[in-house]
C-alpha atoms as a PDB file:
ATOM      1  CA  UNK A   1      13.705   1.746  -7.436  1.00  0.00           C
ATOM      2  CA  UNK A   2       9.933   2.288  -7.419  1.00  0.00           C
ATOM      3  CA  UNK A   3      10.192   5.548  -9.354  1.00  0.00           C
ATOM      4  CA  UNK A   4      12.026   3.847 -12.255  1.00  0.00           C
ATOM      5  CA  UNK A   5       9.530   1.017 -12.723  1.00  0.00           C
ATOM      6  CA  UNK A   6       5.977   1.322 -14.018  1.00  0.00           C
ATOM      7  CA  UNK A   7       3.283   1.247 -11.355  1.00  0.00           C
ATOM      8  CA  UNK A   8       1.917  -2.061 -12.668  1.00  0.00           C
ATOM      9  CA  UNK A   9       5.131  -3.995 -11.909  1.00  0.00           C
ATOM     10  CA  UNK A  10       6.800  -4.918  -8.651  1.00  0.00           C
ATOM     11  CA  UNK A  11      10.140  -6.667  -8.814  1.00  0.00           C
ATOM     12  CA  UNK A  12      11.610  -8.492  -5.874  1.00  0.00           C
ATOM     13  CA  UNK A  13      15.078  -9.998  -5.785  1.00  0.00           C
ATOM     14  CA  UNK A  14      15.095 -12.769  -3.226  1.00  0.00           C
ATOM     15  CA  UNK A  15      18.736 -13.754  -3.534  1.00  0.00           C
ATOM     16  CA  UNK A  16      20.924 -11.129  -1.934  1.00  0.00           C
ATOM     17  CA  UNK A  17      24.128 -13.003  -2.792  1.00  0.00           C
ATOM     18  CA  UNK A  18      23.678 -12.475  -6.547  1.00  0.00           C
ATOM     19  CA  UNK A  19      23.883  -8.701  -6.284  1.00  0.00           C
ATOM     20  CA  UNK A  20      21.844  -8.365  -9.490  1.00  0.00           C
ATOM     21  CA  UNK A  21      18.684  -6.343  -9.101  1.00  0.00           C
ATOM     22  CA  UNK A  22      16.841  -5.812 -12.388  1.00  0.00           C
ATOM     23  CA  UNK A  23      15.963  -2.245 -13.304  1.00  0.00           C
ATOM     24  CA  UNK A  24      13.103  -2.996 -15.736  1.00  0.00           C
ATOM     25  CA  UNK A  25      10.482  -5.702 -16.262  1.00  0.00           C
ATOM     26  CA  UNK A  26      12.218  -6.799 -19.473  1.00  0.00           C
ATOM     27  CA  UNK A  27      15.506  -7.410 -17.666  1.00  0.00           C
ATOM     28  CA  UNK A  28      13.631  -9.204 -14.851  1.00  0.00           C
ATOM     29  CA  UNK A  29      11.986 -11.509 -17.393  1.00  0.00           C
ATOM     30  CA  UNK A  30      15.351 -12.262 -18.990  1.00  0.00           C
ATOM     31  CA  UNK A  31      16.830 -13.109 -15.561  1.00  0.00           C
ATOM     32  CA  UNK A  32      13.910 -15.426 -14.781  1.00  0.00           C
ATOM     33  CA  UNK A  33      14.173 -16.972 -18.268  1.00  0.00           C
ATOM     34  CA  UNK A  34      17.867 -17.759 -17.645  1.00  0.00           C
ATOM     35  CA  UNK A  35      17.095 -19.773 -14.477  1.00  0.00           C
ATOM     36  CA  UNK A  36      16.867 -23.576 -14.782  1.00  0.00           C
ATOM     37  CA  UNK A  37      13.352 -23.845 -13.308  1.00  0.00           C
ATOM     38  CA  UNK A  38      10.442 -21.427 -13.058  1.00  0.00           C
ATOM     39  CA  UNK A  39       7.068 -21.347 -11.371  1.00  0.00           C
ATOM     40  CA  UNK A  40       3.878 -19.368 -11.932  1.00  0.00           C
ATOM     41  CA  UNK A  41       1.028 -18.330  -9.649  1.00  0.00           C
ATOM     42  CA  UNK A  42      -2.087 -18.395 -11.842  1.00  0.00           C
ATOM     43  CA  UNK A  43      -5.840 -18.184 -11.326  1.00  0.00           C
ATOM     44  CA  UNK A  44      -7.761 -21.212 -12.552  1.00  0.00           C
ATOM     45  CA  UNK A  45     -11.532 -21.140 -12.046  1.00  0.00           C
ATOM     46  CA  UNK A  46     -11.232 -18.308  -9.524  1.00  0.00           C
ATOM     47  CA  UNK A  47      -8.592 -19.937  -7.292  1.00  0.00           C
ATOM     48  CA  UNK A  48      -4.860 -19.265  -7.249  1.00  0.00           C
ATOM     49  CA  UNK A  49      -2.494 -22.175  -7.813  1.00  0.00           C
ATOM     50  CA  UNK A  50       1.301 -22.282  -7.613  1.00  0.00           C
ATOM     51  CA  UNK A  51       2.208 -24.320 -10.673  1.00  0.00           C
ATOM     52  CA  UNK A  52       5.339 -25.436 -12.483  1.00  0.00           C
ATOM     53  CA  UNK A  53       5.769 -27.145 -15.865  1.00  0.00           C
ATOM     54  CA  UNK A  54       4.545 -30.769 -16.022  1.00  0.00           C
ATOM     55  CA  UNK A  55       2.433 -30.378 -12.845  1.00  0.00           C
ATOM     56  CA  UNK A  56      -0.879 -32.201 -12.551  1.00  0.00           C
ATOM     57  CA  UNK A  57      -3.503 -29.858 -11.050  1.00  0.00           C
ATOM     58  CA  UNK A  58      -6.957 -30.933  -9.850  1.00  0.00           C
ATOM     59  CA  UNK A  59      -9.547 -28.144 -10.116  1.00  0.00           C
ATOM     60  CA  UNK A  60     -13.317 -27.956  -9.823  1.00  0.00           C
ATOM     61  CA  UNK A  61     -15.148 -29.334 -12.839  1.00  0.00           C
ATOM     62  CA  UNK A  62     -14.761 -27.370 -16.076  1.00  0.00           C
ATOM     63  CA  UNK A  63     -18.017 -28.098 -17.872  1.00  0.00           C
ATOM     64  CA  UNK A  64     -17.000 -26.480 -21.170  1.00  0.00           C
ATOM     65  CA  UNK A  65     -13.699 -28.337 -21.555  1.00  0.00           C
ATOM     66  CA  UNK A  66     -13.331 -31.761 -23.127  1.00  0.00           C
ATOM     67  CA  UNK A  67     -10.489 -34.228 -22.592  1.00  0.00           C
ATOM     68  CA  UNK A  68      -7.544 -33.175 -24.737  1.00  0.00           C
ATOM     69  CA  UNK A  69      -8.481 -29.479 -24.916  1.00  0.00           C
ATOM     70  CA  UNK A  70      -5.676 -26.966 -24.495  1.00  0.00           C
ATOM     71  CA  UNK A  71      -6.463 -24.081 -22.133  1.00  0.00           C
ATOM     72  CA  UNK A  72      -4.488 -20.830 -22.081  1.00  0.00           C
ATOM     73  CA  UNK A  73      -3.969 -19.512 -18.556  1.00  0.00           C
ATOM     74  CA  UNK A  74      -4.338 -15.739 -18.916  1.00  0.00           C
ATOM     75  CA  UNK A  75      -4.525 -14.586 -15.301  1.00  0.00           C
ATOM     76  CA  UNK A  76      -0.932 -14.920 -14.137  1.00  0.00           C
ATOM     77  CA  UNK A  77      -0.206 -13.137 -10.855  1.00  0.00           C
ATOM     78  CA  UNK A  78       3.455 -14.007 -10.318  1.00  0.00           C
ATOM     79  CA  UNK A  79       6.404 -15.490 -12.200  1.00  0.00           C
ATOM     80  CA  UNK A  80       9.410 -16.709 -10.327  1.00  0.00           C
ATOM     81  CA  UNK A  81      12.460 -18.869 -10.077  1.00  0.00           C
ATOM     82  CA  UNK A  82      14.806 -19.746  -7.277  1.00  0.00           C
ATOM     83  CA  UNK A  83      16.476 -16.328  -7.261  1.00  0.00           C
ATOM     84  CA  UNK A  84      13.946 -13.866  -8.705  1.00  0.00           C
ATOM     85  CA  UNK A  85      10.243 -13.091  -8.539  1.00  0.00           C
ATOM     86  CA  UNK A  86       8.167 -10.825 -10.769  1.00  0.00           C
ATOM     87  CA  UNK A  87       4.700  -9.891  -9.502  1.00  0.00           C
ATOM     88  CA  UNK A  88       1.904  -8.234 -11.441  1.00  0.00           C
ATOM     89  CA  UNK A  89      -0.458  -5.668 -10.058  1.00  0.00           C
ATOM     90  CA  UNK A  90      -2.883  -7.592 -10.070  1.00  0.00           C
ATOM     91  CA  UNK A  91      -1.858  -9.700 -13.101  1.00  0.00           C
ATOM     92  CA  UNK A  92       0.995  -9.885 -15.587  1.00  0.00           C
ATOM     93  CA  UNK A  93       0.159  -9.084 -19.201  1.00  0.00           C
ATOM     94  CA  UNK A  94      -0.281 -12.319 -21.236  1.00  0.00           C
ATOM     95  CA  UNK A  95       2.019 -10.857 -23.909  1.00  0.00           C
ATOM     96  CA  UNK A  96       4.998 -11.310 -21.561  1.00  0.00           C
ATOM     97  CA  UNK A  97       4.385 -14.871 -20.418  1.00  0.00           C
ATOM     98  CA  UNK A  98       2.159 -17.710 -21.613  1.00  0.00           C
ATOM     99  CA  UNK A  99       1.215 -20.958 -19.918  1.00  0.00           C
ATOM    100  CA  UNK A 100      -0.992 -23.668 -21.397  1.00  0.00           C
ATOM    101  CA  UNK A 101      -2.789 -26.518 -19.662  1.00  0.00           C
ATOM    102  CA  UNK A 102      -4.135 -29.706 -21.237  1.00  0.00           C
ATOM    103  CA  UNK A 103      -7.311 -31.323 -19.888  1.00  0.00           C
ATOM    104  CA  UNK A 104      -6.263 -34.844 -18.887  1.00  0.00           C
ATOM    105  CA  UNK A 105      -9.462 -36.238 -17.364  1.00  0.00           C
ATOM    106  CA  UNK A 106     -12.759 -35.514 -15.679  1.00  0.00           C
ATOM    107  CA  UNK A 107     -13.032 -37.431 -12.429  1.00  0.00           C
ATOM    108  CA  UNK A 108     -14.976 -37.607  -9.192  1.00  0.00           C
ATOM    109  CA  UNK A 109     -13.772 -37.352  -5.628  1.00  0.00           C
ATOM    110  CA  UNK A 110     -14.431 -39.729  -2.762  1.00  0.00           C
ATOM    111  CA  UNK A 111     -17.942 -40.545  -1.620  1.00  0.00           C
ATOM    112  CA  UNK A 112     -19.210 -38.092   0.943  1.00  0.00           C
ATOM    113  CA  UNK A 113     -22.205 -38.801   3.160  1.00  0.00           C
ATOM    114  CA  UNK A 114     -24.409 -35.884   4.179  1.00  0.00           C
ATOM    115  CA  UNK A 115     -26.663 -36.789   7.105  1.00  0.00           C
ATOM    116  CA  UNK A 116     -29.678 -34.686   8.064  1.00  0.00           C
ATOM    117  CA  UNK A 117     -31.174 -35.582  11.407  1.00  0.00           C
ATOM    118  CA  UNK A 118     -33.716 -34.107  13.835  1.00  0.00           C
ATOM    119  CA  UNK A 119     -33.877 -35.684  17.248  1.00  0.00           C
ATOM    120  CA  UNK A 120     -37.182 -37.054  18.559  1.00  0.00           C
ATOM    121  CA  UNK A 121     -38.971 -36.326  15.258  1.00  0.00           C
ATOM    122  CA  UNK A 122     -38.243 -39.508  13.316  1.00  0.00           C
ATOM    123  CA  UNK A 123     -36.487 -37.502  10.603  1.00  0.00           C
ATOM    124  CA  UNK A 124     -33.263 -38.904   9.163  1.00  0.00           C
ATOM    125  CA  UNK A 125     -31.982 -38.424   5.611  1.00  0.00           C
ATOM    126  CA  UNK A 126     -28.698 -39.597   4.140  1.00  0.00           C
ATOM    127  CA  UNK A 127     -27.396 -38.065   0.930  1.00  0.00           C
ATOM    128  CA  UNK A 128     -24.448 -39.598  -0.916  1.00  0.00           C
ATOM    129  CA  UNK A 129     -22.400 -37.217  -3.035  1.00  0.00           C
ATOM    130  CA  UNK A 130     -19.245 -37.278  -5.171  1.00  0.00           C
ATOM    131  CA  UNK A 131     -17.692 -33.933  -6.132  1.00  0.00           C
ATOM    132  CA  UNK A 132     -16.652 -33.659  -9.790  1.00  0.00           C
ATOM    133  CA  UNK A 133     -13.142 -32.492 -10.682  1.00  0.00           C
ATOM    134  CA  UNK A 134     -11.041 -31.814 -13.763  1.00  0.00           C
ATOM    135  CA  UNK A 135      -7.350 -32.686 -13.953  1.00  0.00           C
ATOM    136  CA  UNK A 136      -5.026 -30.410 -15.898  1.00  0.00           C
ATOM    137  CA  UNK A 137      -1.451 -31.078 -17.051  1.00  0.00           C
ATOM    138  CA  UNK A 138       0.532 -27.829 -17.073  1.00  0.00           C
ATOM    139  CA  UNK A 139       2.652 -27.179 -20.162  1.00  0.00           C
ATOM    140  CA  UNK A 140       5.906 -25.247 -20.411  1.00  0.00           C
ATOM    141  CA  UNK A 141       6.190 -21.641 -19.252  1.00  0.00           C
ATOM    142  CA  UNK A 142       6.986 -19.574 -22.328  1.00  0.00           C
ATOM    143  CA  UNK A 143       8.420 -16.080 -22.444  1.00  0.00           C
ATOM    144  CA  UNK A 144       7.908 -14.615 -25.931  1.00  0.00           C
ATOM    145  CA  UNK A 145      11.000 -12.778 -27.163  1.00  0.00           C
ATOM    146  CA  UNK A 146       8.980 -10.181 -29.059  1.00  0.00           C
ATOM    147  CA  UNK A 147       5.929  -8.598 -27.513  1.00  0.00           C
ATOM    148  CA  UNK A 148       2.732  -8.113 -29.487  1.00  0.00           C
ATOM    149  CA  UNK A 149       1.874  -4.477 -30.394  1.00  0.00           C
ATOM    150  CA  UNK A 150      -0.128  -2.829 -27.633  1.00  0.00           C
ATOM    151  CA  UNK A 151      -2.708  -1.046 -29.792  1.00  0.00           C
ATOM    152  CA  UNK A 152      -3.858  -3.729 -32.230  1.00  0.00           C
ATOM    153  CA  UNK A 153      -7.109  -2.671 -33.861  1.00  0.00           C
ATOM    154  CA  UNK A 154      -9.881  -5.252 -33.697  1.00  0.00           C
ATOM    155  CA  UNK A 155     -11.577  -3.967 -36.853  1.00  0.00           C
ATOM    156  CA  UNK A 156      -8.502  -4.347 -39.088  1.00  0.00           C
ATOM    157  CA  UNK A 157      -7.097  -7.779 -39.895  1.00  0.00           C
ATOM    158  CA  UNK A 158      -3.543  -8.518 -38.781  1.00  0.00           C
ATOM    159  CA  UNK A 159      -1.137  -7.315 -41.498  1.00  0.00           C
ATOM    160  CA  UNK A 160       2.599  -7.695 -41.748  1.00  0.00           C
ATOM    161  CA  UNK A 161       4.629  -4.540 -41.921  1.00  0.00           C
ATOM    162  CA  UNK A 162       6.731  -3.779 -45.001  1.00  0.00           C
ATOM    163  CA  UNK A 163       9.849  -3.108 -42.918  1.00  0.00           C
ATOM    164  CA  UNK A 164      12.041  -6.097 -41.986  1.00  0.00           C
ATOM    165  CA  UNK A 165      11.784  -7.441 -38.444  1.00  0.00           C
ATOM    166  CA  UNK A 166      14.121  -5.878 -35.905  1.00  0.00           C
ATOM    167  CA  UNK A 167      15.887  -9.152 -35.081  1.00  0.00           C
ATOM    168  CA  UNK A 168      17.116  -9.920 -38.613  1.00  0.00           C
ATOM    169  CA  UNK A 169      20.533  -8.568 -39.565  1.00  0.00           C
ATOM    170  CA  UNK A 170      20.505  -5.730 -42.075  1.00  0.00           C
ATOM    171  CA  UNK A 171      23.029  -6.172 -44.929  1.00  0.00           C
ATOM    172  CA  UNK A 172      25.794  -3.591 -44.955  1.00  0.00           C
ATOM    173  CA  UNK A 173      25.923  -1.161 -47.869  1.00  0.00           C
ATOM    174  CA  UNK A 174      28.831  -1.967 -50.210  1.00  0.00           C
END
């Protein structure tokens, strides 16, 4: 199976009773899309989180984000459902899956006391500290049906092609 797939994709079928093992990343994505619930392993601020739609994730403070901002999670390491898992090497291309997160609030953690003490020297310092956090609400996991062209030129503006899209039916010649 490894010789058929590109080197950047590893597909694992966790449910042996289904008997369906996808032969390409596109068929694996369609199998995952057909499942009732999916999950994603994504990197947020350098840490990996296992997230599902509508999850509330607490991460270290994002100084650039304001409450209500929508963040696109681009570093997705794994997509999965109950029966199938699709892993990237190291990440999955954002053209195949997209996940958004909304900044819900900026908050602080519990009060932590840091005590510095040297015996027999009369030195004692107490520092009070609250760690700052950002809470994110995870949006739906979306699998675009059409993938974006691989070699889009940055110097040319995006133009529509003159040919009709591949998904529209072509009228039969009479």
